[in-house]
Amino acid sequence: MINDDFPHRGELWWVQFPSEDKKRPAVIVSPDVRNSEGENVIIAGCSSRRTDKIYDDEVMLKGLGLKHSTKVQCDYLYTIKQALLSERIACLYDHQLECLDESLQIALGVI
C-alpha cells in the first residue's frame, strides 16, 4: 500500500512547470527518504515526441493510462518543489523501474 503523504520514487505525476502553459508528465527519481523529508523532489521529464526512436538513456512507458506514447528522458532531470506536482498518474511497473535505474546510470555516466 502506498502512503499518499508524499510523492514516491517511481511514480508518474503531472507537473505544472512555471515557464509552460500546460502540464507535463514526469517520473519521481529521488529516493523516498528525501521525498518524505524535504520540499523538493528530483524528476525525470517525459515526452510524447519522437517516440519512434528510444535511446539508452530513455524508457518507454506503456500501460500507465497515458493518451500518447510517452518516454522518460533520463537526461532531462530537474529538482522542483513538490507543490508543482499537480496529480499522480500512476506508479511504474517493476520492470519499468529497473529500466529507469539503468537509463539513469547511462545518462549520468555512472556505468
PDB file of N, CA and C in Angstrom:
ATOM      1  N   MET A   1       0.850  -1.195   0.000  1.00  0.00           N
ATOM      2  CA  MET A   1       0.000   0.000   0.000  1.00  0.00           C
ATOM      3  C   MET A   1       0.884   1.243   0.000  1.00  0.00           C
ATOM      4  N   ILE A   2       0.560   2.198  -0.836  1.00  0.00           N
ATOM      5  CA  ILE A   2       1.339   3.422  -0.962  1.00  0.00           C
ATOM      6  C   ILE A   2       0.791   4.481  -0.008  1.00  0.00           C
ATOM      7  N   ASN A   3       1.682   5.090   0.745  1.00  0.00           N
ATOM      8  CA  ASN A   3       1.336   6.206   1.613  1.00  0.00           C
ATOM      9  C   ASN A   3       1.241   7.448   0.734  1.00  0.00           C
ATOM     10  N   ASP A   4       0.117   8.139   0.765  1.00  0.00           N
ATOM     11  CA  ASP A   4      -0.088   9.303  -0.103  1.00  0.00           C
ATOM     12  C   ASP A   4       0.396  10.615   0.499  1.00  0.00           C
ATOM     13  N   ASP A   5       1.105  10.552   1.627  1.00  0.00           N
ATOM     14  CA  ASP A   5       1.557  11.778   2.277  1.00  0.00           C
ATOM     15  C   ASP A   5       2.672  12.481   1.506  1.00  0.00           C
ATOM     16  N   PHE A   6       3.370  11.778   0.638  1.00  0.00           N
ATOM     17  CA  PHE A   6       4.446  12.374  -0.138  1.00  0.00           C
ATOM     18  C   PHE A   6       4.596  11.597  -1.440  1.00  0.00           C
ATOM     19  N   PRO A   7       5.175  12.219  -2.463  1.00  0.00           N
ATOM     20  CA  PRO A   7       5.388  11.507  -3.733  1.00  0.00           C
ATOM     21  C   PRO A   7       6.493  10.460  -3.572  1.00  0.00           C
ATOM     22  N   HIS A   8       6.304   9.321  -4.204  1.00  0.00           N
ATOM     23  CA  HIS A   8       7.239   8.211  -4.088  1.00  0.00           C
ATOM     24  C   HIS A   8       8.050   8.021  -5.363  1.00  0.00           C
ATOM     25  N   ARG A   9       9.257   7.527  -5.178  1.00  0.00           N
ATOM     26  CA  ARG A   9      10.123   7.212  -6.315  1.00  0.00           C
ATOM     27  C   ARG A   9       9.407   6.223  -7.227  1.00  0.00           C
ATOM     28  N   GLY A  10       9.461   6.500  -8.517  1.00  0.00           N
ATOM     29  CA  GLY A  10       8.822   5.618  -9.486  1.00  0.00           C
ATOM     30  C   GLY A  10       7.387   5.977  -9.811  1.00  0.00           C
ATOM     31  N   GLU A  11       6.869   7.035  -9.210  1.00  0.00           N
ATOM     32  CA  GLU A  11       5.525   7.480  -9.551  1.00  0.00           C
ATOM     33  C   GLU A  11       5.586   8.455 -10.728  1.00  0.00           C
ATOM     34  N   LEU A  12       4.561   8.391 -11.544  1.00  0.00           N
ATOM     35  CA  LEU A  12       4.392   9.289 -12.682  1.00  0.00           C
ATOM     36  C   LEU A  12       3.384  10.361 -12.274  1.00  0.00           C
ATOM     37  N   TRP A  13       3.784  11.626 -12.407  1.00  0.00           N
ATOM     38  CA  TRP A  13       2.949  12.758 -11.982  1.00  0.00           C
ATOM     39  C   TRP A  13       2.791  13.761 -13.115  1.00  0.00           C
ATOM     40  N   TRP A  14       1.686  14.503 -13.078  1.00  0.00           N
ATOM     41  CA  TRP A  14       1.551  15.691 -13.905  1.00  0.00           C
ATOM     42  C   TRP A  14       2.260  16.812 -13.176  1.00  0.00           C
ATOM     43  N   VAL A  15       3.106  17.546 -13.897  1.00  0.00           N
ATOM     44  CA  VAL A  15       3.888  18.640 -13.323  1.00  0.00           C
ATOM     45  C   VAL A  15       3.536  19.924 -14.053  1.00  0.00           C
ATOM     46  N   GLN A  16       3.261  20.954 -13.281  1.00  0.00           N
ATOM     47  CA  GLN A  16       2.999  22.268 -13.853  1.00  0.00           C
ATOM     48  C   GLN A  16       4.276  23.091 -13.773  1.00  0.00           C
ATOM     49  N   PHE A  17       5.064  23.076 -14.848  1.00  0.00           N
ATOM     50  CA  PHE A  17       6.282  23.867 -14.883  1.00  0.00           C
ATOM     51  C   PHE A  17       5.910  25.344 -14.956  1.00  0.00           C
ATOM     52  N   PRO A  18       6.557  26.196 -14.168  1.00  0.00           N
ATOM     53  CA  PRO A  18       6.205  27.621 -14.152  1.00  0.00           C
ATOM     54  C   PRO A  18       6.347  28.306 -15.505  1.00  0.00           C
ATOM     55  N   SER A  19       7.259  27.843 -16.339  1.00  0.00           N
ATOM     56  CA  SER A  19       7.510  28.515 -17.610  1.00  0.00           C
ATOM     57  C   SER A  19       6.654  27.982 -18.756  1.00  0.00           C
ATOM     58  N   GLU A  20       5.752  27.047 -18.470  1.00  0.00           N
ATOM     59  CA  GLU A  20       4.955  26.444 -19.537  1.00  0.00           C
ATOM     60  C   GLU A  20       3.470  26.588 -19.253  1.00  0.00           C
ATOM     61  N   ASP A  21       2.696  26.601 -20.331  1.00  0.00           N
ATOM     62  CA  ASP A  21       1.254  26.757 -20.209  1.00  0.00           C
ATOM     63  C   ASP A  21       0.536  25.465 -19.839  1.00  0.00           C
ATOM     64  N   LYS A  22       1.158  24.333 -20.157  1.00  0.00           N
ATOM     65  CA  LYS A  22       0.461  23.073 -19.925  1.00  0.00           C
ATOM     66  C   LYS A  22       1.241  22.179 -18.968  1.00  0.00           C
ATOM     67  N   LYS A  23       0.524  21.221 -18.415  1.00  0.00           N
ATOM     68  CA  LYS A  23       1.154  20.241 -17.543  1.00  0.00           C
ATOM     69  C   LYS A  23       1.886  19.211 -18.386  1.00  0.00           C
ATOM     70  N   ARG A  24       2.949  18.669 -17.827  1.00  0.00           N
ATOM     71  CA  ARG A  24       3.714  17.618 -18.492  1.00  0.00           C
ATOM     72  C   ARG A  24       3.912  16.474 -17.517  1.00  0.00           C
ATOM     73  N   PRO A  25       3.961  15.242 -18.027  1.00  0.00           N
ATOM     74  CA  PRO A  25       4.239  14.123 -17.124  1.00  0.00           C
ATOM     75  C   PRO A  25       5.726  14.048 -16.787  1.00  0.00           C
ATOM     76  N   ALA A  26       6.001  13.572 -15.580  1.00  0.00           N
ATOM     77  CA  ALA A  26       7.373  13.374 -15.125  1.00  0.00           C
ATOM     78  C   ALA A  26       7.379  12.243 -14.097  1.00  0.00           C
ATOM     79  N   VAL A  27       8.519  11.582 -13.992  1.00  0.00           N
ATOM     80  CA  VAL A  27       8.684  10.481 -13.048  1.00  0.00           C
ATOM     81  C   VAL A  27       9.541  10.950 -11.884  1.00  0.00           C
ATOM     82  N   ILE A  28       9.120  10.624 -10.681  1.00  0.00           N
ATOM     83  CA  ILE A  28       9.899  10.929  -9.485  1.00  0.00           C
ATOM     84  C   ILE A  28      11.093   9.975  -9.451  1.00  0.00           C
ATOM     85  N   VAL A  29      12.319  10.522  -9.391  1.00  0.00           N
ATOM     86  CA  VAL A  29      13.517   9.682  -9.352  1.00  0.00           C
ATOM     87  C   VAL A  29      14.290   9.829  -8.042  1.00  0.00           C
ATOM     88  N   SER A  30      13.951  10.818  -7.234  1.00  0.00           N
ATOM     89  CA  SER A  30      14.634  10.969  -5.944  1.00  0.00           C
ATOM     90  C   SER A  30      14.144   9.893  -4.976  1.00  0.00           C
ATOM     91  N   PRO A  31      15.013   9.526  -4.013  1.00  0.00           N
ATOM     92  CA  PRO A  31      14.639   8.461  -3.068  1.00  0.00           C
ATOM     93  C   PRO A  31      13.541   8.913  -2.103  1.00  0.00           C
ATOM     94  N   ASP A  32      12.772   7.953  -1.626  1.00  0.00           N
ATOM     95  CA  ASP A  32      11.639   8.256  -0.755  1.00  0.00           C
ATOM     96  C   ASP A  32      12.042   8.988   0.518  1.00  0.00           C
ATOM     97  N   VAL A  33      13.217   8.665   1.078  1.00  0.00           N
ATOM     98  CA  VAL A  33      13.629   9.349   2.306  1.00  0.00           C
ATOM     99  C   VAL A  33      13.775  10.841   2.050  1.00  0.00           C
ATOM    100  N   ARG A  34      14.279  11.211   0.904  1.00  0.00           N
ATOM    101  CA  ARG A  34      14.392  12.631   0.527  1.00  0.00           C
ATOM    102  C   ARG A  34      13.004  13.223   0.287  1.00  0.00           C
ATOM    103  N   ASN A  35      12.168  12.476  -0.419  1.00  0.00           N
ATOM    104  CA  ASN A  35      10.831  12.967  -0.760  1.00  0.00           C
ATOM    105  C   ASN A  35       9.967  13.190   0.475  1.00  0.00           C
ATOM    106  N   SER A  36      10.136  12.349   1.489  1.00  0.00           N
ATOM    107  CA  SER A  36       9.303  12.450   2.689  1.00  0.00           C
ATOM    108  C   SER A  36       9.765  13.553   3.632  1.00  0.00           C
ATOM    109  N   GLU A  37      11.031  13.940   3.534  1.00  0.00           N
ATOM    110  CA  GLU A  37      11.579  14.896   4.492  1.00  0.00           C
ATOM    111  C   GLU A  37      11.807  16.292   3.930  1.00  0.00           C
ATOM    112  N   GLY A  38      11.794  16.424   2.614  1.00  0.00           N
ATOM    113  CA  GLY A  38      12.114  17.717   2.016  1.00  0.00           C
ATOM    114  C   GLY A  38      10.956  18.325   1.252  1.00  0.00           C
ATOM    115  N   GLU A  39      11.177  19.555   0.807  1.00  0.00           N
ATOM    116  CA  GLU A  39      10.179  20.260  -0.003  1.00  0.00           C
ATOM    117  C   GLU A  39      10.352  19.976  -1.485  1.00  0.00           C
ATOM    118  N   ASN A  40      11.515  19.466  -1.876  1.00  0.00           N
ATOM    119  CA  ASN A  40      11.828  19.256  -3.284  1.00  0.00           C
ATOM    120  C   ASN A  40      11.842  17.781  -3.641  1.00  0.00           C
ATOM    121  N   VAL A  41      11.658  17.513  -4.932  1.00  0.00           N
ATOM    122  CA  VAL A  41      11.832  16.177  -5.492  1.00  0.00           C
ATOM    123  C   VAL A  41      12.658  16.309  -6.771  1.00  0.00           C
ATOM    124  N   ILE A  42      13.324  15.231  -7.125  1.00  0.00           N
ATOM    125  CA  ILE A  42      14.032  15.188  -8.403  1.00  0.00           C
ATOM    126  C   ILE A  42      13.157  14.401  -9.365  1.00  0.00           C
ATOM    127  N   ILE A  43      12.955  14.969 -10.539  1.00  0.00           N
ATOM    128  CA  ILE A  43      12.105  14.323 -11.540  1.00  0.00           C
ATOM    129  C   ILE A  43      12.872  14.129 -12.843  1.00  0.00           C
ATOM    130  N   ALA A  44      12.416  13.153 -13.611  1.00  0.00           N
ATOM    131  CA  ALA A  44      12.864  12.969 -14.991  1.00  0.00           C
ATOM    132  C   ALA A  44      11.673  13.313 -15.874  1.00  0.00           C
ATOM    133  N   GLY A  45      11.885  14.247 -16.781  1.00  0.00           N
ATOM    134  CA  GLY A  45      10.814  14.687 -17.659  1.00  0.00           C
ATOM    135  C   GLY A  45      10.451  13.649 -18.704  1.00  0.00           C
ATOM    136  N   CYS A  46       9.228  13.728 -19.166  1.00  0.00           N
ATOM    137  CA  CYS A  46       8.725  12.800 -20.185  1.00  0.00           C
ATOM    138  C   CYS A  46       8.355  13.558 -21.449  1.00  0.00           C
ATOM    139  N   SER A  47       8.330  12.831 -22.551  1.00  0.00           N
ATOM    140  CA  SER A  47       7.976  13.433 -23.825  1.00  0.00           C
ATOM    141  C   SER A  47       7.159  12.447 -24.656  1.00  0.00           C
ATOM    142  N   SER A  48       6.220  12.987 -25.408  1.00  0.00           N
ATOM    143  CA  SER A  48       5.468  12.160 -26.354  1.00  0.00           C
ATOM    144  C   SER A  48       5.935  12.429 -27.785  1.00  0.00           C
ATOM    145  N   ARG A  49       7.000  13.197 -27.925  1.00  0.00           N
ATOM    146  CA  ARG A  49       7.559  13.497 -29.245  1.00  0.00           C
ATOM    147  C   ARG A  49       8.651  12.495 -29.571  1.00  0.00           C
ATOM    148  N   ARG A  50       8.719  12.116 -30.815  1.00  0.00           N
ATOM    149  CA  ARG A  50       9.779  11.240 -31.338  1.00  0.00           C
ATOM    150  C   ARG A  50       9.918   9.946 -30.533  1.00  0.00           C
ATOM    151  N   THR A  51       8.785   9.301 -30.263  1.00  0.00           N
ATOM    152  CA  THR A  51       8.827   8.049 -29.511  1.00  0.00           C
ATOM    153  C   THR A  51       9.139   6.853 -30.402  1.00  0.00           C
ATOM    154  N   ASP A  52       9.351   7.105 -31.691  1.00  0.00           N
ATOM    155  CA  ASP A  52       9.716   6.020 -32.606  1.00  0.00           C
ATOM    156  C   ASP A  52      11.169   5.583 -32.392  1.00  0.00           C
ATOM    157  N   LYS A  53      11.978   6.430 -31.776  1.00  0.00           N
ATOM    158  CA  LYS A  53      13.374   6.118 -31.503  1.00  0.00           C
ATOM    159  C   LYS A  53      13.614   6.283 -30.008  1.00  0.00           C
ATOM    160  N   ILE A  54      14.036   5.191 -29.362  1.00  0.00           N
ATOM    161  CA  ILE A  54      14.320   5.212 -27.935  1.00  0.00           C
ATOM    162  C   ILE A  54      15.820   5.006 -27.741  1.00  0.00           C
ATOM    163  N   TYR A  55      16.447   5.930 -27.030  1.00  0.00           N
ATOM    164  CA  TYR A  55      17.882   5.850 -26.760  1.00  0.00           C
ATOM    165  C   TYR A  55      18.128   5.121 -25.442  1.00  0.00           C
ATOM    166  N   ASP A  56      19.393   4.802 -25.173  1.00  0.00           N
ATOM    167  CA  ASP A  56      19.749   4.052 -23.972  1.00  0.00           C
ATOM    168  C   ASP A  56      19.411   4.793 -22.685  1.00  0.00           C
ATOM    169  N   ASP A  57      19.337   6.117 -22.760  1.00  0.00           N
ATOM    170  CA  ASP A  57      19.025   6.896 -21.561  1.00  0.00           C
ATOM    171  C   ASP A  57      17.549   7.309 -21.516  1.00  0.00           C
ATOM    172  N   GLU A  58      16.707   6.550 -22.205  1.00  0.00           N
ATOM    173  CA  GLU A  58      15.262   6.791 -22.219  1.00  0.00           C
ATOM    174  C   GLU A  58      14.520   5.489 -21.921  1.00  0.00           C
ATOM    175  N   VAL A  59      13.314   5.631 -21.400  1.00  0.00           N
ATOM    176  CA  VAL A  59      12.474   4.476 -21.078  1.00  0.00           C
ATOM    177  C   VAL A  59      11.086   4.724 -21.646  1.00  0.00           C
ATOM    178  N   MET A  60      10.597   3.781 -22.421  1.00  0.00           N
ATOM    179  CA  MET A  60       9.244   3.877 -22.974  1.00  0.00           C
ATOM    180  C   MET A  60       8.239   3.471 -21.904  1.00  0.00           C
ATOM    181  N   LEU A  61       7.186   4.253 -21.759  1.00  0.00           N
ATOM    182  CA  LEU A  61       6.138   3.950 -20.790  1.00  0.00           C
ATOM    183  C   LEU A  61       4.905   3.432 -21.519  1.00  0.00           C
ATOM    184  N   LYS A  62       4.477   2.262 -21.130  1.00  0.00           N
ATOM    185  CA  LYS A  62       3.258   1.681 -21.701  1.00  0.00           C
ATOM    186  C   LYS A  62       2.408   1.135 -20.566  1.00  0.00           C
ATOM    187  N   GLY A  63       1.108   1.155 -20.770  1.00  0.00           N
ATOM    188  CA  GLY A  63       0.205   0.567 -19.807  1.00  0.00           C
ATOM    189  C   GLY A  63      -0.035   1.403 -18.561  1.00  0.00           C
ATOM    190  N   LEU A  64       0.178   2.696 -18.652  1.00  0.00           N
ATOM    191  CA  LEU A  64       0.004   3.554 -17.474  1.00  0.00           C
ATOM    192  C   LEU A  64      -1.136   4.557 -17.641  1.00  0.00           C
ATOM    193  N   GLY A  65      -1.940   4.377 -18.674  1.00  0.00           N
ATOM    194  CA  GLY A  65      -3.108   5.230 -18.851  1.00  0.00           C
ATOM    195  C   GLY A  65      -2.857   6.564 -19.520  1.00  0.00           C
ATOM    196  N   LEU A  66      -1.716   6.726 -20.166  1.00  0.00           N
ATOM    197  CA  LEU A  66      -1.444   7.967 -20.895  1.00  0.00           C
ATOM    198  C   LEU A  66      -2.070   7.891 -22.286  1.00  0.00           C
ATOM    199  N   LYS A  67      -2.512   9.015 -22.805  1.00  0.00           N
ATOM    200  CA  LYS A  67      -3.160   9.057 -24.121  1.00  0.00           C
ATOM    201  C   LYS A  67      -2.198   8.750 -25.261  1.00  0.00           C
ATOM    202  N   HIS A  68      -0.951   9.204 -25.132  1.00  0.00           N
ATOM    203  CA  HIS A  68       0.031   9.078 -26.209  1.00  0.00           C
ATOM    204  C   HIS A  68       1.204   8.214 -25.757  1.00  0.00           C
ATOM    205  N   SER A  69       1.911   7.665 -26.735  1.00  0.00           N
ATOM    206  CA  SER A  69       3.171   7.008 -26.422  1.00  0.00           C
ATOM    207  C   SER A  69       4.067   8.028 -25.741  1.00  0.00           C
ATOM    208  N   THR A  70       4.679   7.625 -24.658  1.00  0.00           N
ATOM    209  CA  THR A  70       5.469   8.554 -23.845  1.00  0.00           C
ATOM    210  C   THR A  70       6.754   7.896 -23.407  1.00  0.00           C
ATOM    211  N   LYS A  71       7.831   8.667 -23.403  1.00  0.00           N
ATOM    212  CA  LYS A  71       9.106   8.144 -22.928  1.00  0.00           C
ATOM    213  C   LYS A  71       9.664   9.039 -21.839  1.00  0.00           C
ATOM    214  N   VAL A  72      10.344   8.414 -20.884  1.00  0.00           N
ATOM    215  CA  VAL A  72      11.052   9.153 -19.840  1.00  0.00           C
ATOM    216  C   VAL A  72      12.422   9.496 -20.398  1.00  0.00           C
ATOM    217  N   GLN A  73      12.802  10.735 -20.293  1.00  0.00           N
ATOM    218  CA  GLN A  73      14.109  11.180 -20.763  1.00  0.00           C
ATOM    219  C   GLN A  73      15.004  11.380 -19.537  1.00  0.00           C
ATOM    220  N   CYS A  74      15.873  10.404 -19.296  1.00  0.00           N
ATOM    221  CA  CYS A  74      16.690  10.422 -18.079  1.00  0.00           C
ATOM    222  C   CYS A  74      17.799  11.455 -18.115  1.00  0.00           C
ATOM    223  N   ASP A  75      17.991  12.113 -19.236  1.00  0.00           N
ATOM    224  CA  ASP A  75      18.940  13.228 -19.295  1.00  0.00           C
ATOM    225  C   ASP A  75      18.219  14.568 -19.110  1.00  0.00           C
ATOM    226  N   TYR A  76      16.952  14.513 -18.770  1.00  0.00           N
ATOM    227  CA  TYR A  76      16.093  15.688 -18.593  1.00  0.00           C
ATOM    228  C   TYR A  76      15.662  15.723 -17.131  1.00  0.00           C
ATOM    229  N   LEU A  77      16.629  15.986 -16.231  1.00  0.00           N
ATOM    230  CA  LEU A  77      16.390  15.941 -14.790  1.00  0.00           C
ATOM    231  C   LEU A  77      16.214  17.348 -14.228  1.00  0.00           C
ATOM    232  N   TYR A  78      15.290  17.457 -13.292  1.00  0.00           N
ATOM    233  CA  TYR A  78      15.021  18.718 -12.621  1.00  0.00           C
ATOM    234  C   TYR A  78      14.815  18.462 -11.135  1.00  0.00           C
ATOM    235  N   THR A  79      15.203  19.433 -10.322  1.00  0.00           N
ATOM    236  CA  THR A  79      14.806  19.467  -8.922  1.00  0.00           C
ATOM    237  C   THR A  79      13.739  20.536  -8.820  1.00  0.00           C
ATOM    238  N   ILE A  80      12.551  20.126  -8.353  1.00  0.00           N
ATOM    239  CA  ILE A  80      11.416  21.050  -8.291  1.00  0.00           C
ATOM    240  C   ILE A  80      10.771  20.990  -6.906  1.00  0.00           C
ATOM    241  N   LYS A  81      10.003  21.995  -6.599  1.00  0.00           N
ATOM    242  CA  LYS A  81       9.193  21.998  -5.381  1.00  0.00           C
ATOM    243  C   LYS A  81       8.071  20.970  -5.532  1.00  0.00           C
ATOM    244  N   GLN A  82       7.787  20.265  -4.464  1.00  0.00           N
ATOM    245  CA  GLN A  82       6.693  19.292  -4.510  1.00  0.00           C
ATOM    246  C   GLN A  82       5.361  19.950  -4.851  1.00  0.00           C
ATOM    247  N   ALA A  83       5.221  21.229  -4.562  1.00  0.00           N
ATOM    248  CA  ALA A  83       3.984  21.956  -4.863  1.00  0.00           C
ATOM    249  C   ALA A  83       3.684  22.011  -6.360  1.00  0.00           C
ATOM    250  N   LEU A  84       4.709  21.801  -7.217  1.00  0.00           N
ATOM    251  CA  LEU A  84       4.493  21.807  -8.660  1.00  0.00           C
ATOM    252  C   LEU A  84       3.912  20.492  -9.173  1.00  0.00           C
ATOM    253  N   LEU A  85       3.875  19.471  -8.322  1.00  0.00           N
ATOM    254  CA  LEU A  85       3.249  18.194  -8.688  1.00  0.00           C
ATOM    255  C   LEU A  85       1.747  18.368  -8.536  1.00  0.00           C
ATOM    256  N   SER A  86       1.022  18.219  -9.644  1.00  0.00           N
ATOM    257  CA  SER A  86      -0.406  18.526  -9.575  1.00  0.00           C
ATOM    258  C   SER A  86      -1.291  17.294  -9.410  1.00  0.00           C
ATOM    259  N   GLU A  87      -0.905  16.162 -10.005  1.00  0.00           N
ATOM    260  CA  GLU A  87      -1.763  14.981  -9.910  1.00  0.00           C
ATOM    261  C   GLU A  87      -0.939  13.727 -10.180  1.00  0.00           C
ATOM    262  N   ARG A  88      -1.109  12.725  -9.337  1.00  0.00           N
ATOM    263  CA  ARG A  88      -0.440  11.445  -9.534  1.00  0.00           C
ATOM    264  C   ARG A  88      -1.167  10.693 -10.649  1.00  0.00           C
ATOM    265  N   ILE A  89      -0.410  10.222 -11.632  1.00  0.00           N
ATOM    266  CA  ILE A  89      -0.990   9.498 -12.758  1.00  0.00           C
ATOM    267  C   ILE A  89      -0.980   8.002 -12.489  1.00  0.00           C
ATOM    268  N   ALA A  90       0.199   7.479 -12.145  1.00  0.00           N
ATOM    269  CA  ALA A  90       0.358   6.031 -11.975  1.00  0.00           C
ATOM    270  C   ALA A  90       1.697   5.757 -11.303  1.00  0.00           C
ATOM    271  N   CYS A  91       1.925   4.512 -11.022  1.00  0.00           N
ATOM    272  CA  CYS A  91       3.209   4.064 -10.494  1.00  0.00           C
ATOM    273  C   CYS A  91       3.823   3.134 -11.536  1.00  0.00           C
ATOM    274  N   LEU A  92       5.095   3.326 -11.838  1.00  0.00           N
ATOM    275  CA  LEU A  92       5.759   2.482 -12.827  1.00  0.00           C
ATOM    276  C   LEU A  92       5.772   1.030 -12.359  1.00  0.00           C
ATOM    277  N   TYR A  93       5.719   0.119 -13.307  1.00  0.00           N
ATOM    278  CA  TYR A  93       5.823  -1.314 -13.016  1.00  0.00           C
ATOM    279  C   TYR A  93       7.275  -1.637 -12.655  1.00  0.00           C
ATOM    280  N   ASP A  94       7.470  -2.769 -11.992  1.00  0.00           N
ATOM    281  CA  ASP A  94       8.810  -3.160 -11.551  1.00  0.00           C
ATOM    282  C   ASP A  94       9.811  -3.189 -12.702  1.00  0.00           C
ATOM    283  N   HIS A  95       9.415  -3.761 -13.851  1.00  0.00           N
ATOM    284  CA  HIS A  95      10.355  -3.830 -14.976  1.00  0.00           C
ATOM    285  C   HIS A  95      10.664  -2.436 -15.534  1.00  0.00           C
ATOM    286  N   GLN A  96       9.715  -1.511 -15.451  1.00  0.00           N
ATOM    287  CA  GLN A  96       9.960  -0.136 -15.889  1.00  0.00           C
ATOM    288  C   GLN A  96      10.922   0.567 -14.930  1.00  0.00           C
ATOM    289  N   LEU A  97      10.795   0.284 -13.636  1.00  0.00           N
ATOM    290  CA  LEU A  97      11.713   0.859 -12.651  1.00  0.00           C
ATOM    291  C   LEU A  97      13.138   0.356 -12.864  1.00  0.00           C
ATOM    292  N   GLU A  98      13.269  -0.918 -13.195  1.00  0.00           N
ATOM    293  CA  GLU A  98      14.599  -1.474 -13.483  1.00  0.00           C
ATOM    294  C   GLU A  98      15.208  -0.780 -14.708  1.00  0.00           C
ATOM    295  N   CYS A  99      14.412  -0.594 -15.737  1.00  0.00           N
ATOM    296  CA  CYS A  99      14.891   0.116 -16.932  1.00  0.00           C
ATOM    297  C   CYS A  99      15.224   1.568 -16.605  1.00  0.00           C
ATOM    298  N   LEU A 100      14.418   2.194 -15.751  1.00  0.00           N
ATOM    299  CA  LEU A 100      14.670   3.572 -15.338  1.00  0.00           C
ATOM    300  C   LEU A 100      16.011   3.679 -14.626  1.00  0.00           C
ATOM    301  N   ASP A 101      16.281   2.765 -13.705  1.00  0.00           N
ATOM    302  CA  ASP A 101      17.554   2.779 -12.979  1.00  0.00           C
ATOM    303  C   ASP A 101      18.737   2.665 -13.935  1.00  0.00           C
ATOM    304  N   GLU A 102      18.639   1.752 -14.873  1.00  0.00           N
ATOM    305  CA  GLU A 102      19.718   1.555 -15.842  1.00  0.00           C
ATOM    306  C   GLU A 102      19.888   2.787 -16.731  1.00  0.00           C
ATOM    307  N   SER A 103      18.781   3.361 -17.175  1.00  0.00           N
ATOM    308  CA  SER A 103      18.842   4.536 -18.049  1.00  0.00           C
ATOM    309  C   SER A 103      19.386   5.754 -17.321  1.00  0.00           C
ATOM    310  N   LEU A 104      19.058   5.893 -16.035  1.00  0.00           N
ATOM    311  CA  LEU A 104      19.627   6.984 -15.239  1.00  0.00           C
ATOM    312  C   LEU A 104      21.131   6.831 -15.113  1.00  0.00           C
ATOM    313  N   GLN A 105      21.582   5.624 -14.888  1.00  0.00           N
ATOM    314  CA  GLN A 105      23.033   5.376 -14.783  1.00  0.00           C
ATOM    315  C   GLN A 105      23.743   5.718 -16.084  1.00  0.00           C
ATOM    316  N   ILE A 106      23.129   5.365 -17.195  1.00  0.00           N
ATOM    317  CA  ILE A 106      23.701   5.697 -18.506  1.00  0.00           C
ATOM    318  C   ILE A 106      23.727   7.212 -18.702  1.00  0.00           C
ATOM    319  N   ALA A 107      22.615   7.878 -18.403  1.00  0.00           N
ATOM    320  CA  ALA A 107      22.542   9.327 -18.597  1.00  0.00           C
ATOM    321  C   ALA A 107      23.556  10.070 -17.725  1.00  0.00           C
ATOM    322  N   LEU A 108      23.818   9.537 -16.539  1.00  0.00           N
ATOM    323  CA  LEU A 108      24.726  10.208 -15.608  1.00  0.00           C
ATOM    324  C   LEU A 108      26.162   9.709 -15.724  1.00  0.00           C
ATOM    325  N   GLY A 109      26.375   8.710 -16.565  1.00  0.00           N
ATOM    326  CA  GLY A 109      27.720   8.193 -16.800  1.00  0.00           C
ATOM    327  C   GLY A 109      28.311   7.427 -15.634  1.00  0.00           C
ATOM    328  N   VAL A 110      27.466   6.750 -14.871  1.00  0.00           N
ATOM    329  CA  VAL A 110      27.962   6.018 -13.708  1.00  0.00           C
ATOM    330  C   VAL A 110      28.084   4.517 -13.946  1.00  0.00           C
ATOM    331  N   ILE A 111      27.858   4.083 -15.181  1.00  0.00           N
ATOM    332  CA  ILE A 111      28.138   2.678 -15.517  1.00  0.00           C
ATOM    333  C   ILE A 111      29.000   2.626 -16.762  1.00  0.00           C
TER     334      ILE A 111
END
